[in-house]
Protein backbone atom coordinates (compact mmCIF):
# COMPACT_ATOMS: atom_id res chain seq x y z
CA MET A 1 0.00 0.00 0.00
CA VAL A 2 2.89 2.36 0.80
CA SER A 3 4.54 1.66 -2.55
CA ALA A 4 1.22 2.36 -4.31
CA ALA A 5 0.94 5.71 -2.53
CA ILE A 6 4.52 6.62 -3.46
CA HIS A 7 3.83 5.65 -7.05
CA GLY A 8 0.70 7.79 -7.11
CA PHE A 9 2.53 10.74 -5.56
CA PHE A 10 5.38 10.86 -8.06
CA LEU A 11 3.14 10.05 -11.01
CA ALA A 12 0.72 12.88 -10.19
CA PHE A 13 3.57 15.30 -9.47
CA GLY A 14 5.18 14.51 -12.81
CA LEU A 15 1.90 15.11 -14.64
CA ILE A 16 0.95 18.35 -12.89
CA LEU A 17 4.40 19.98 -12.84
CA PRO A 18 4.67 21.01 -16.53
CA LEU A 19 3.38 24.47 -17.37
CA GLY A 20 -0.22 24.23 -18.50
CA VAL A 21 -3.39 26.28 -18.68
CA GLN A 22 -4.56 25.18 -15.22
CA ASN A 23 -1.27 26.16 -13.63
CA VAL A 24 -1.12 29.48 -15.48
CA PHE A 25 -4.67 30.38 -14.48
CA VAL A 26 -4.30 29.51 -10.78
CA PHE A 27 -0.93 31.26 -10.50
CA ASN A 28 -2.37 34.29 -12.28
CA GLN A 29 -5.25 34.55 -9.83
CA GLY A 30 -2.88 34.22 -6.88
CA ALA A 31 -0.72 37.04 -8.24
CA ALA A 32 -3.68 39.28 -9.07
CA GLY A 33 -5.54 38.73 -5.81
CA ARG A 34 -2.68 39.78 -3.52
CA LYS A 35 -4.45 37.81 -0.76
CA LEU A 36 -4.62 34.03 -0.96
CA ARG A 37 -8.31 33.90 -0.04
CA ARG A 38 -9.17 35.88 -3.18
CA ALA A 39 -7.77 33.05 -5.31
CA LEU A 40 -9.59 30.30 -3.37
CA PRO A 41 -12.43 29.91 -5.92
CA ALA A 42 -9.88 29.12 -8.64
CA VAL A 43 -7.84 26.85 -6.36
CA LEU A 44 -10.78 24.88 -4.99
CA THR A 45 -12.49 24.49 -8.36
CA ALA A 46 -9.31 23.36 -10.12
CA ALA A 47 -8.52 20.88 -7.33
CA LEU A 48 -12.10 19.55 -7.29
CA GLY A 49 -12.04 19.23 -11.08
CA ASP A 50 -8.82 17.21 -10.95
CA THR A 51 -10.28 15.06 -8.17
CA ILE A 52 -13.29 14.23 -10.33
CA LEU A 53 -11.08 13.37 -13.31
CA ILE A 54 -8.85 11.16 -11.17
CA LEU A 55 -11.81 9.30 -9.68
CA LEU A 56 -13.36 8.77 -13.10
CA ALA A 57 -10.02 7.51 -14.40
CA VAL A 58 -9.55 5.05 -11.55
CA LEU A 59 -13.13 3.84 -11.92
CA GLY A 60 -12.40 2.79 -15.49
CA VAL A 61 -13.66 5.60 -17.65
CA SER A 62 -10.19 5.67 -19.25
CA VAL A 63 -10.95 2.58 -21.30
CA LEU A 64 -14.12 4.18 -22.71
CA VAL A 65 -12.61 7.58 -23.45
CA LEU A 66 -9.44 6.29 -25.07
CA SER A 67 -11.46 3.96 -27.30
CA TRP A 68 -13.33 6.89 -28.88
CA THR A 69 -10.85 8.53 -31.24
CA TRP A 70 -13.41 11.11 -32.35
CA LEU A 71 -13.77 12.31 -28.75
CA LYS A 72 -10.13 13.40 -28.66
CA THR A 73 -10.70 15.52 -31.76
CA VAL A 74 -13.81 17.11 -30.26
CA LEU A 75 -12.01 17.84 -26.98
CA PHE A 76 -9.05 19.42 -28.74
CA ALA A 77 -11.26 21.56 -30.97
CA ALA A 78 -13.48 22.77 -28.12
CA GLY A 79 -10.48 23.29 -25.87
CA ALA A 80 -8.64 25.32 -28.51
CA VAL A 81 -11.59 27.67 -29.00
CA PHE A 82 -11.96 28.23 -25.28
CA MET A 83 -8.22 28.77 -24.77
CA LEU A 84 -8.29 31.48 -27.43
CA TYR A 85 -11.14 33.13 -25.54
CA ILE A 86 -9.37 32.89 -22.18
CA GLY A 87 -6.19 34.36 -23.66
CA TRP A 88 -8.14 37.25 -25.17
CA THR A 89 -9.91 37.90 -21.85
CA ILE A 90 -6.62 38.02 -19.93
CA TRP A 91 -4.99 40.31 -22.51
CA ARG A 92 -8.04 42.58 -22.68
CA ASP A 93 -8.26 42.97 -18.90
CA VAL A 94 -4.58 43.76 -18.48
CA SER A 95 -4.78 46.41 -21.20
CA LYS A 96 -7.31 48.44 -19.21
CA PRO A 97 -5.93 51.56 -17.47
CA SER A 98 -7.16 50.29 -14.09
CA SER A 99 -5.36 46.95 -14.42
CA ALA A 100 -2.64 48.02 -11.97
CA GLY A 101 -5.13 47.70 -9.17
CA VAL A 102 -6.83 44.47 -10.22
CA SER A 103 -7.73 42.01 -7.51
CA GLY A 104 -8.33 38.95 -9.68
CA LEU A 105 -11.49 37.75 -11.34
CA PRO A 106 -14.76 37.64 -9.38
CA ALA A 107 -15.36 34.35 -7.54
CA LYS A 108 -18.02 33.09 -9.95
CA GLN A 109 -15.88 33.83 -13.01
CA GLN A 110 -12.88 32.17 -11.38
CA ALA A 111 -14.92 29.02 -10.80
CA VAL A 112 -16.28 28.97 -14.36
CA PHE A 113 -12.86 29.51 -15.89
CA ALA A 114 -11.24 26.91 -13.61
CA LEU A 115 -13.88 24.35 -14.57
CA SER A 116 -13.37 25.17 -18.23
CA VAL A 117 -9.56 24.88 -18.18
CA THR A 118 -9.99 21.53 -16.43
CA PHE A 119 -12.76 19.85 -18.41
CA LEU A 120 -12.07 21.56 -21.75
CA ASN A 121 -8.34 20.92 -21.46
CA PRO A 122 -7.58 17.82 -23.56
CA HIS A 123 -4.11 17.39 -22.08
CA ALA A 124 -5.44 17.38 -18.52
CA ILE A 125 -8.11 14.85 -19.44
CA LEU A 126 -5.88 12.57 -21.50
CA ASP A 127 -3.06 12.66 -18.93
CA THR A 128 -5.37 12.04 -15.99
CA VAL A 129 -7.63 9.50 -17.64
CA GLY A 130 -4.97 7.82 -19.73
CA VAL A 131 -1.91 7.77 -17.48
CA ILE A 132 -3.42 7.69 -13.99
CA GLY A 133 -6.33 5.48 -15.04
CA THR A 134 -4.05 2.99 -16.74
CA SER A 135 -1.54 2.97 -13.87
CA SER A 136 -4.30 2.33 -11.33
CA LEU A 137 -5.02 -1.00 -13.03
CA ASP A 138 -1.90 -2.38 -11.32
CA TYR A 139 -3.60 -2.11 -7.92
CA THR A 140 -6.67 -3.41 -6.15
CA GLY A 141 -8.35 -2.86 -2.80
CA TRP A 142 -6.51 -0.71 -0.25
CA ALA A 143 -3.50 -0.32 -2.54
CA LYS A 144 -5.66 1.25 -5.24
CA GLY A 145 -7.21 3.51 -2.62
CA ALA A 146 -3.78 4.65 -1.45
CA PHE A 147 -2.67 5.27 -5.03
CA THR A 148 -5.80 7.31 -5.74
CA LEU A 149 -5.60 9.32 -2.53
CA ALA A 150 -1.96 10.19 -3.15
CA THR A 151 -2.65 11.51 -6.65
CA ILE A 152 -5.57 13.60 -5.38
CA LEU A 153 -3.51 14.98 -2.48
CA VAL A 154 -0.77 16.12 -4.85
CA SER A 155 -3.33 18.04 -6.90
CA TRP A 156 -4.74 19.90 -3.87
CA VAL A 157 -1.36 20.75 -2.37
CA TRP A 158 0.00 21.85 -5.75
CA PHE A 159 -2.80 24.29 -6.55
CA PHE A 160 -2.71 25.86 -3.09
CA GLY A 161 1.07 26.18 -3.36
CA LEU A 162 0.82 27.65 -6.84
CA ALA A 163 -1.66 30.32 -5.72
CA TRP A 164 0.53 31.13 -2.72
CA ALA A 165 3.59 31.49 -4.98
CA GLY A 166 1.59 33.81 -7.22
CA LYS A 167 0.52 35.87 -4.21
CA MET A 168 4.11 36.19 -3.02
CA LEU A 169 5.29 37.33 -6.43
CA GLY A 170 2.34 39.69 -6.82
CA SER A 171 3.05 41.25 -3.43
CA LEU A 172 6.42 42.43 -4.76
CA ASP A 173 4.61 44.48 -7.39
CA ARG A 174 4.29 48.18 -6.68
CA GLY A 175 2.89 49.95 -9.71
CA GLY A 176 1.28 46.97 -11.41
CA GLN A 177 4.05 46.51 -14.00
CA LEU A 178 4.96 43.03 -12.78
CA LEU A 179 1.33 41.92 -12.74
CA ARG A 180 0.76 43.22 -16.26
CA GLY A 181 3.80 41.31 -17.43
CA ILE A 182 2.57 38.11 -15.76
CA ASN A 183 -0.85 38.50 -17.34
CA ARG A 184 0.55 39.14 -20.80
CA LEU A 185 2.84 36.13 -20.49
CA SER A 186 -0.13 34.05 -19.31
CA ALA A 187 -2.18 35.12 -22.33
CA LEU A 188 0.66 34.23 -24.71
CA ILE A 189 1.08 30.80 -23.11
CA VAL A 190 -2.65 30.11 -23.34
CA TRP A 191 -2.70 31.21 -27.00
CA GLY A 192 0.31 29.02 -27.72
CA LEU A 193 -1.43 25.99 -26.26
CA ALA A 194 -4.56 26.81 -28.27
CA LEU A 195 -2.55 26.93 -31.49
CA TYR A 196 -0.94 23.61 -30.58
CA MET A 197 -4.39 22.06 -30.11
CA ILE A 198 -5.56 23.45 -33.46
CA GLY A 199 -2.46 21.98 -35.10
CA SER A 200 -3.17 18.62 -33.47
CA VAL A 201 -6.74 18.60 -34.78
CA ILE A 202 -5.58 19.44 -38.31
CA ALA A 203 -2.84 16.78 -38.18
CA ASP A 204 -5.30 14.14 -36.96
CA GLN A 205 -7.73 14.99 -39.73
CA LEU A 206 -4.98 14.82 -42.36
CA ASN A 207 -3.71 11.51 -41.02
CA SER A 208 -7.23 10.08 -41.08
CA GLY A 209 -7.74 11.21 -44.66
CA GLY A 210 -9.95 14.15 -43.74
CA GLY A 211 -12.83 11.94 -42.74
CA ALA A 212 -15.78 13.19 -40.75
CA LEU A 213 -15.77 13.09 -36.99
């Protein structure tokens, strides 16, 4: 059971560490909010979203999802469109004259965006469902429970830590220049990921002969 928990810990950490839309969004809200509690809607929603994906993966949804090749195309297409919108929203907000005094998105908007970058993020879904779901097949009973709990714990600790790191960096800002730079970088990263998704959709369609979904 201990080895299963260790496996789950390092596996989840390896998946969540790379820079992605979830990480960018949570860090951005931590930096903009100046106080950690202002970023809690983003943190809690992102962590809950990951928890749901992990549980679905461990329960066997991975086999179903990975067997539907058209679903991957749909997820990438929908995710790309939404990432373009998120990037535009971040860039638009930071371009406003009052952006130096921003305090992050409102709680409801944070929750909606966090849900979107979780469930409309093909990489998050495929990594969680594919990698964690497949790895969980090696365990049963208490060992599987320990593996699952460890992966979920990593997600919660990571998002809280990410928001805290954003808050610490944001607190060093005086005139809003640092925050504007963070937001612009965040928008560019989100747009880059969107373009990557669009390229993946086009490549898949070309490889499949341009057939219908």
